[in-house]
Protein backbone atom coordinates (compact mmCIF):
# COMPACT_ATOMS: atom_id res chain seq x y z
CA MET A 1 0.04 0.00 0.08
CA ASN A 2 1.25 3.53 -0.99
CA TYR A 3 0.58 5.60 2.32
CA LEU A 4 2.26 8.83 0.89
CA SER A 5 0.85 8.91 -2.90
CA LYS A 6 0.02 12.64 -3.53
CA ASN A 7 -0.02 13.71 -0.11
CA LYS A 8 3.76 13.97 0.23
CA ASN A 9 4.43 17.30 -0.71
CA ASN A 10 1.88 18.98 1.46
CA ILE A 11 2.63 17.09 4.14
CA GLN A 12 6.29 18.15 3.82
CA LYS A 13 5.34 21.96 3.49
CA GLN A 14 3.09 22.04 6.36
CA ILE A 15 5.14 20.30 8.74
CA LEU A 16 8.05 22.54 8.00
CA GLN A 17 5.94 25.87 7.91
CA TRP A 18 4.86 24.59 11.83
CA TYR A 19 8.45 24.11 12.28
CA GLU A 20 9.40 27.72 11.41
CA LEU A 21 6.37 29.02 13.79
CA ASN A 22 6.42 26.47 16.88
CA GLY A 23 9.63 24.29 16.61
CA ARG A 24 12.26 23.97 19.44
CA LYS A 25 14.82 25.85 17.52
CA ASN A 26 16.85 27.30 20.70
CA LEU A 27 17.70 23.78 22.10
CA PRO A 28 21.41 23.85 23.33
CA TRP A 29 22.45 21.03 20.78
CA LYS A 30 21.45 23.17 18.06
CA THR A 31 24.62 23.39 16.24
CA SER A 32 26.72 21.34 13.66
CA ASN A 33 29.16 20.18 15.76
CA ILE A 34 29.14 16.56 15.41
CA TYR A 35 30.71 15.85 18.98
CA LYS A 36 27.96 17.89 20.73
CA ILE A 37 24.99 16.26 18.72
CA TRP A 38 26.43 13.12 19.48
CA ILE A 39 26.56 13.68 23.36
CA SER A 40 22.94 15.09 23.02
CA GLU A 41 21.51 12.22 21.14
CA ILE A 42 23.18 9.73 23.76
CA MET A 43 21.37 11.56 26.58
CA LEU A 44 18.43 11.87 24.88
CA GLN A 45 17.74 7.87 24.57
CA GLN A 46 15.18 7.14 26.93
CA THR A 47 15.29 10.47 28.43
CA GLN A 48 12.89 13.70 27.98
CA VAL A 49 14.54 16.92 26.69
CA LYS A 50 13.55 19.20 29.55
CA THR A 51 15.84 16.53 31.76
CA VAL A 52 18.40 16.29 29.40
CA ILE A 53 18.85 20.12 28.87
CA PRO A 54 20.70 21.01 32.27
CA TYR A 55 22.97 18.01 32.23
CA TYR A 56 24.07 18.52 28.59
CA ASN A 57 25.06 21.93 29.61
CA ARG A 58 27.23 20.83 32.49
CA PHE A 59 28.77 18.15 30.34
CA ILE A 60 29.64 20.01 27.57
CA ASN A 61 31.25 22.97 29.87
CA LYS A 62 33.34 20.23 31.48
CA TYR A 63 34.17 18.23 27.93
CA PRO A 64 34.01 20.63 25.36
CA ASP A 65 35.35 18.20 22.85
CA ILE A 66 36.49 14.67 22.38
CA ASN A 67 40.02 15.15 23.86
CA ALA A 68 38.49 16.36 26.82
CA LEU A 69 36.37 13.24 27.15
CA TYR A 70 39.10 11.00 26.35
CA ASN A 71 41.47 12.47 28.87
CA SER A 72 38.66 12.31 31.46
CA SER A 73 38.36 8.93 33.81
CA LEU A 74 35.02 6.74 33.85
CA ASP A 75 34.49 7.94 37.21
CA ASN A 76 34.50 11.51 36.97
CA ILE A 77 32.26 10.84 33.61
CA LEU A 78 29.91 8.73 35.92
CA GLU A 79 29.86 11.51 38.46
CA MET A 80 28.42 14.33 35.88
CA TRP A 81 25.98 11.67 34.56
CA SER A 82 24.54 11.01 38.33
CA GLY A 83 21.07 11.50 38.16
CA LEU A 84 20.44 11.04 34.68
CA GLY A 85 20.01 7.17 34.84
CA TYR A 86 20.70 4.54 32.23
CA TYR A 87 24.25 4.72 33.16
CA ARG A 88 25.59 2.57 30.76
CA ARG A 89 25.20 5.40 28.25
CA ALA A 90 28.06 7.12 30.17
CA GLU A 91 30.14 4.00 29.99
CA ASN A 92 29.67 4.01 26.20
CA ILE A 93 30.49 7.38 25.61
CA HIS A 94 33.79 6.72 27.62
CA LYS A 95 34.47 3.91 25.32
CA THR A 96 33.45 5.48 22.23
CA ALA A 97 36.10 8.57 23.05
CA SER A 98 38.94 5.91 23.28
CA ILE A 99 37.88 4.44 20.07
CA VAL A 100 37.60 7.72 18.29
CA LYS A 101 41.01 8.78 19.56
CA HIS A 102 42.66 5.65 18.57
CA GLU A 103 41.02 4.55 15.33
CA TYR A 104 40.01 8.16 14.07
CA ASN A 105 42.74 10.15 14.83
CA GLY A 106 40.54 11.86 17.60
CA LEU A 107 38.07 13.13 14.72
CA PHE A 108 34.54 11.86 15.41
CA PRO A 109 33.48 9.80 12.25
CA THR A 110 31.26 10.84 9.79
CA LYS A 111 30.07 7.86 7.78
CA PHE A 112 26.96 5.79 8.81
CA LYS A 113 28.78 2.46 8.44
CA ASP A 114 31.40 3.78 11.05
CA ILE A 115 29.21 5.57 13.38
CA ILE A 116 26.69 2.58 13.68
CA LYS A 117 29.56 0.54 15.20
CA LEU A 118 30.35 2.83 17.91
CA PRO A 119 28.89 1.54 21.57
CA GLY A 120 25.33 2.37 22.31
CA ILE A 121 24.41 3.37 19.02
CA GLY A 122 21.91 2.23 16.71
CA ARG A 123 20.23 3.28 13.52
CA THR A 124 17.97 6.00 14.53
CA THR A 125 21.03 7.70 16.95
CA ALA A 126 23.39 7.49 13.92
CA SER A 127 21.00 8.89 11.55
CA ALA A 128 20.30 11.75 13.78
CA ILE A 129 24.00 12.50 14.54
CA LEU A 130 24.76 12.80 11.02
CA THR A 131 21.16 14.35 9.77
CA PHE A 132 21.38 17.00 12.76
CA SER A 133 25.15 17.76 11.99
CA ARG A 134 24.38 18.23 8.45
CA THR A 135 26.65 15.83 7.39
CA ALA A 136 24.13 13.54 5.69
CA ARG A 137 20.61 13.36 4.75
CA LEU A 138 19.02 10.41 6.72
CA PRO A 139 15.56 9.23 7.84
CA ILE A 140 15.13 9.19 11.77
CA LEU A 141 12.44 7.13 13.65
CA ASP A 142 12.33 7.49 17.35
CA GLY A 143 9.38 6.94 19.49
CA ASN A 144 7.79 10.11 18.80
CA ILE A 145 7.88 9.64 15.11
CA LYS A 146 6.56 6.31 15.27
CA ARG A 147 3.53 7.45 17.27
CA LEU A 148 2.77 10.40 14.74
CA PHE A 149 3.08 7.74 12.13
CA ALA A 150 1.19 5.27 13.50
CA ARG A 151 -1.77 7.72 14.30
CA TYR A 152 -1.54 9.76 10.87
CA PHE A 153 -1.62 6.79 8.56
CA PHE A 154 -3.89 4.31 11.15
CA LEU A 155 -1.16 1.39 10.67
CA ASN A 156 -2.65 -1.86 10.23
CA THR A 157 -2.36 -3.93 13.70
CA ASN A 158 -2.27 -6.94 11.42
CA LEU A 159 1.71 -6.56 10.66
CA THR A 160 4.21 -8.23 12.69
CA ILE A 161 6.32 -6.18 14.69
CA ARG A 162 9.24 -6.51 12.14
CA GLU A 163 6.79 -5.65 9.09
CA GLN A 164 5.50 -2.65 11.08
CA GLU A 165 9.17 -1.44 12.06
CA ASN A 166 10.02 -1.78 8.21
CA LEU A 167 6.71 -0.10 7.10
CA LEU A 168 7.59 3.04 9.30
CA TRP A 169 11.14 3.29 8.40
CA LYS A 170 9.90 2.81 4.45
CA ILE A 171 7.59 6.04 5.39
CA SER A 172 10.25 8.15 7.07
CA GLU A 173 12.59 7.58 4.20
CA ASP A 174 10.06 8.68 1.71
CA LEU A 175 8.52 11.39 3.43
CA LEU A 176 12.25 13.10 3.81
CA PRO A 177 12.46 16.10 1.84
CA ILE A 178 15.50 16.84 -0.42
CA LYS A 179 16.30 20.22 1.46
CA ASN A 180 15.52 21.02 5.04
CA SER A 181 16.05 17.32 5.93
CA ASP A 182 17.39 18.23 9.48
CA ASN A 183 14.41 20.69 10.21
CA PHE A 184 11.86 18.24 9.17
CA CYS A 185 13.28 15.55 11.26
CA GLN A 186 13.38 17.73 14.14
CA ALA A 187 9.67 18.87 13.52
CA LEU A 188 8.60 15.18 13.20
CA MET A 189 10.25 14.56 16.82
CA ASP A 190 8.72 18.26 18.21
CA LEU A 191 5.18 17.30 16.92
CA GLY A 192 5.19 13.73 18.26
CA SER A 193 6.43 15.37 21.86
CA LEU A 194 4.47 18.25 22.15
CA ILE A 195 1.49 17.90 19.68
CA CYS A 196 0.75 14.10 19.07
CA THR A 197 1.34 12.97 22.52
CA LYS A 198 0.68 9.77 24.03
CA ASN A 199 -2.53 10.09 26.21
CA ASP A 200 -3.67 13.25 25.43
CA PRO A 201 -3.08 14.44 21.36
CA LYS A 202 -3.53 18.14 20.76
CA CYS A 203 -5.00 17.68 17.52
CA SER A 204 -6.06 21.43 16.91
CA PHE A 205 -2.67 22.15 16.76
CA CYS A 206 -1.27 19.69 14.50
CA PRO A 207 -0.56 20.98 10.93
CA ILE A 208 -1.54 17.59 9.10
CA ARG A 209 -4.68 17.19 11.32
CA ASN A 210 -6.95 17.40 8.25
CA ASN A 211 -5.67 14.15 6.80
CA CYS A 212 -4.99 12.28 9.93
CA LYS A 213 -6.76 9.05 9.55
CA SER A 214 -6.83 8.74 13.38
CA LYS A 215 -8.49 12.00 13.87
CA LEU A 216 -11.09 11.25 10.81
CA LYS A 217 -12.03 8.16 12.79
CA GLN A 218 -11.64 9.85 16.33
CA ASN A 219 -9.88 6.88 17.01
CA PHE A 220 -6.53 7.70 18.73
CA THR A 221 -5.28 4.52 20.09
CA ILE A 222 -1.66 3.74 19.43
CA ARG A 223 -1.37 1.30 16.97
CA ILE A 224 2.03 0.32 17.31
CA HIS A 225 3.37 -3.32 18.62
CA LYS A 226 6.09 -3.15 21.46
CA PRO A 227 7.42 -6.61 22.64
CA LYS A 228 5.53 -7.18 26.20
CA LEU A 229 8.39 -7.15 29.04
CA LYS A 230 7.38 -9.22 32.23
CA LYS A 231 8.88 -7.04 34.97
CA ASP A 232 10.64 -8.89 37.67
CA GLN A 233 10.32 -7.56 41.32
CA LYS A 234 13.57 -8.03 43.48
CA ARG A 235 14.14 -6.94 47.09
CA VAL A 236 17.40 -5.44 48.18
CA TYR A 237 18.92 -4.78 51.56
CA SER A 238 20.65 -1.65 52.17
CA LEU A 239 22.64 -0.26 55.07
CA PHE A 240 23.00 3.29 55.27
CA ILE A 241 26.04 4.10 57.82
CA THR A 242 26.67 7.70 59.18
CA ASN A 243 29.18 9.01 61.41
CA LYS A 244 29.12 11.85 63.64
CA GLN A 245 30.96 14.12 61.07
CA ASN A 246 27.94 13.88 59.16
CA CYS A 247 29.27 11.54 56.70
CA VAL A 248 28.00 8.62 54.90
CA TYR A 249 30.06 5.06 54.05
CA LEU A 250 29.31 4.35 50.18
CA GLU A 251 31.11 1.78 48.29
CA ARG A 252 31.54 0.76 44.29
CA ILE A 253 28.26 -1.10 43.73
CA ASN A 254 29.07 -4.71 42.64
CA PHE A 255 25.49 -5.93 42.36
CA LYS A 256 24.10 -8.26 39.64
CA ASN A 257 26.00 -6.32 36.99
CA LEU A 258 23.61 -3.08 37.84
CA TRP A 259 24.61 0.34 38.45
CA LYS A 260 28.30 -0.43 37.51
CA GLY A 261 30.75 1.76 38.43
CA LEU A 262 28.62 4.03 40.60
CA PHE A 263 28.57 4.05 44.39
CA SER A 264 25.70 3.60 47.22
CA SER A 265 25.32 2.25 50.76
CA PRO A 266 26.15 -1.33 51.16
CA LEU A 267 23.76 -3.58 49.29
CA PHE A 268 22.65 -7.46 50.49
CA THR A 269 20.41 -9.78 48.75
CA ASN A 270 19.27 -10.92 51.98
CA HIS A 271 18.59 -10.01 55.88
CA GLN A 272 20.88 -12.34 56.96
CA GLN A 273 23.68 -11.43 54.75
CA MET A 274 23.53 -7.80 56.18
CA LEU A 275 23.57 -9.00 59.81
CA ILE A 276 26.64 -11.10 58.93
CA TRP A 277 28.38 -8.33 57.18
CA MET A 278 27.44 -6.13 60.45
CA LYS A 279 28.80 -8.51 62.84
CA GLU A 280 32.16 -8.70 60.85
CA ASN A 281 32.50 -5.10 61.16
CA LYS A 282 31.30 -4.82 64.86
CA LEU A 283 28.28 -2.80 63.98
CA GLU A 284 25.22 -5.12 65.41
CA ASN A 285 24.89 -2.84 68.23
CA ASN A 286 24.37 0.45 65.93
CA LEU A 287 21.58 -0.62 63.77
CA GLN A 288 18.42 1.22 64.33
CA GLN A 289 15.13 -0.63 64.84
CA ASP A 290 13.23 1.19 62.16
CA LYS A 291 13.26 -0.02 58.41
CA TYR A 292 11.97 1.43 55.59
CA ASN A 293 10.79 0.42 52.13
CA ILE A 294 11.78 2.31 48.69
CA GLU A 295 10.98 1.30 45.58
CA HIS A 296 12.68 1.89 42.32
CA ASN A 297 11.69 0.71 38.89
CA LEU A 298 14.34 -0.13 36.09
CA SER A 299 12.72 -1.12 32.60
CA HIS A 300 12.71 -4.62 33.47
CA ILE A 301 13.10 -5.00 37.09
CA LYS A 302 11.27 -3.59 40.08
CA PHE A 303 13.47 -3.22 42.97
CA ILE A 304 11.75 -2.91 46.77
CA PHE A 305 14.72 -1.59 49.01
CA THR A 306 14.67 -2.46 52.43
CA VAL A 307 16.53 0.34 54.21
CA TYR A 308 18.23 0.15 57.56
CA PHE A 309 20.21 3.11 59.45
CA CYS A 310 23.07 2.81 61.39
CA GLN A 311 24.98 5.70 63.00
CA ILE A 312 28.74 5.09 64.35
CA ASN A 313 31.12 6.99 66.43
CA THR A 314 34.09 5.64 64.93
CA ASN A 315 35.12 4.84 61.39
CA LYS A 316 37.96 2.33 62.21
CA ASN A 317 35.43 -0.60 62.33
CA ILE A 318 34.67 -0.34 58.58
CA THR A 319 37.41 1.58 57.29
CA GLU A 320 39.13 5.10 57.97
CA ASN A 321 40.05 5.68 54.49
CA ARG A 322 38.62 8.79 53.45
CA GLU A 323 37.71 7.81 50.05
CA TYR A 324 34.74 5.97 51.55
CA TRP A 325 33.24 8.50 53.39
CA TYR A 326 31.36 11.58 51.87
CA ASN A 327 29.81 14.50 53.37
CA LEU A 328 25.98 14.34 53.20
CA SER A 329 25.89 17.74 51.98
CA ASN A 330 28.53 17.51 49.27
CA ILE A 331 28.75 13.98 47.77
CA LYS A 332 31.44 14.01 45.41
CA CYS A 333 30.66 10.67 43.72
CA ALA A 334 28.21 8.95 41.04
CA ILE A 335 25.29 7.62 43.09
CA PRO A 336 22.10 5.91 41.30
CA LYS A 337 18.68 7.26 41.77
CA PHE A 338 17.88 4.83 44.30
CA GLN A 339 20.45 6.07 46.55
CA ASP A 340 19.23 9.62 46.26
CA LYS A 341 16.06 8.59 47.37
CA ILE A 342 17.50 6.86 50.47
CA ILE A 343 19.58 9.95 51.20
CA ASN A 344 16.30 11.96 51.23
CA LEU A 345 14.57 9.29 53.42
CA TYR A 346 17.63 9.60 56.05
CA ARG A 347 17.27 13.53 55.92
CA GLU A 348 13.40 13.21 56.33
CA LYS A 349 13.75 10.88 59.59
CA TYR A 350 17.03 12.26 61.13
CA GLY A 351 17.50 15.82 59.64
């Protein structure tokens, strides 16, 4: 079925006109600098624009080019990333900096076949990097664009996941204009993000509403197949240890290949394991009786952290090494979001 037929030119024109008036043209990564676009595209994976902006600005201020990034340690990069989530992205950025330095003489590659081989980069990210840097003219297909196309063309749900994905890419390729392809791709993402939203599409503001099949049918159900993921639930025990100097004990996480390289309070898979560790470190008499549960969701796992608090008078039972003790008012290491939640709980309960 030809989904575009005679409407192609009109769709392109209407979308580009809308972008000129309403598009997000002042985002900090609106530049032709391919390095900065790469950083922004990695940060934008699974993360909203408004969340990314402050992280991106801080990151670029500290690492303005690939050489600055290459010369940094993974720990420092993770610290800059702390709170943004999906920390494997930071690890991939660190790996990529090394690859670019050694295999491309410190110059970020400009060919699709090279970019797509880099860690953490798939077809959409590679296309976005090249299109927005005006290095190549390539279609993009992120989640917002998929939703926009699925509604506009009222896609057939009888298609398999692979068939539907291929069709969406074909539409994106066919619809891409010869000129202003970068603005057009950004416009599609903006329309999906700002107008054709998941739960409350603002059809009256959409430039292509008159020919939108979902609007004509008044059926806005998102007709995109997604693999169904069963979310496991796991309980973890966390021991939050503080001293009288308002410092907290944090150690590098070594837990089921999650949060690699980050720091947290000691974590245990069961209560007995925690008690044994406390006894070995002569902390069993310092444990507060109260315990608290904190939920933390990842894409595939729901964690329930059972948190215990422990205050000690001296550090020597655990370690006096300062690298493990961090002032609660200025924690200078990379911690995951669940640790932020635990710290906030401690402040709420104990000031």
